[in-house]
């Protein structure tokens, strides 16, 4: 009788172990599926080219209408969890502004700030966007966009396609590359542009 009990216990234990094994394998497969999906999403959406130097320290004296509240246009690529920013000047820094994210209650946030550096390259305007404070880090990252004014108080930021420019490029070569390639439409990621409209 004891042998039968032991046999039943062993069968139950083995069954439970098999269930746990199946659940672990299923969880690992689900996790792997999520990882693959996220990787595919990144590949499909892409990011603008990122460099460890800005084009310059700011060389375009932007007009005053740049200041104020801007809302991301419907259908644009999301640049963060916020869809509204208040743009303010950086005193004493030509071509530099700070974009403060605004939450759904209309409050300006003190985190998630973006520094935007306007640069004139030949006849065109480009901007570098980085996290505020990142420019003083040992390995800052600057995203490069073409600045396109499409209507009064409506602008587009069109990213230069990812990996078009080497991350470790220096400023003279970055400026030369943009000057040589700015008219080549294939360098721009039009499918993932971010458009903003000025709010009153």
Foldseek 3Di string as FASTA:
>chain_A
DVVVVVVVVVVVVVVVVVVVVVVVVVVVVVVVVVVVVVVVVCVVQAAFAKAQDWLDQADDQDDPLVFAKKFWDPPAADPDPAGMWGWADDPPGHQKIKTFGADPVRDTDPAPIKIWGWDDQPPFIKIWIFGPPQNPDPRGITWIFTWADPDVQKIKTWGFGYPPDDRHDDNVVVSVVCNVCVPPVVRTDPNRMIMIGHDD
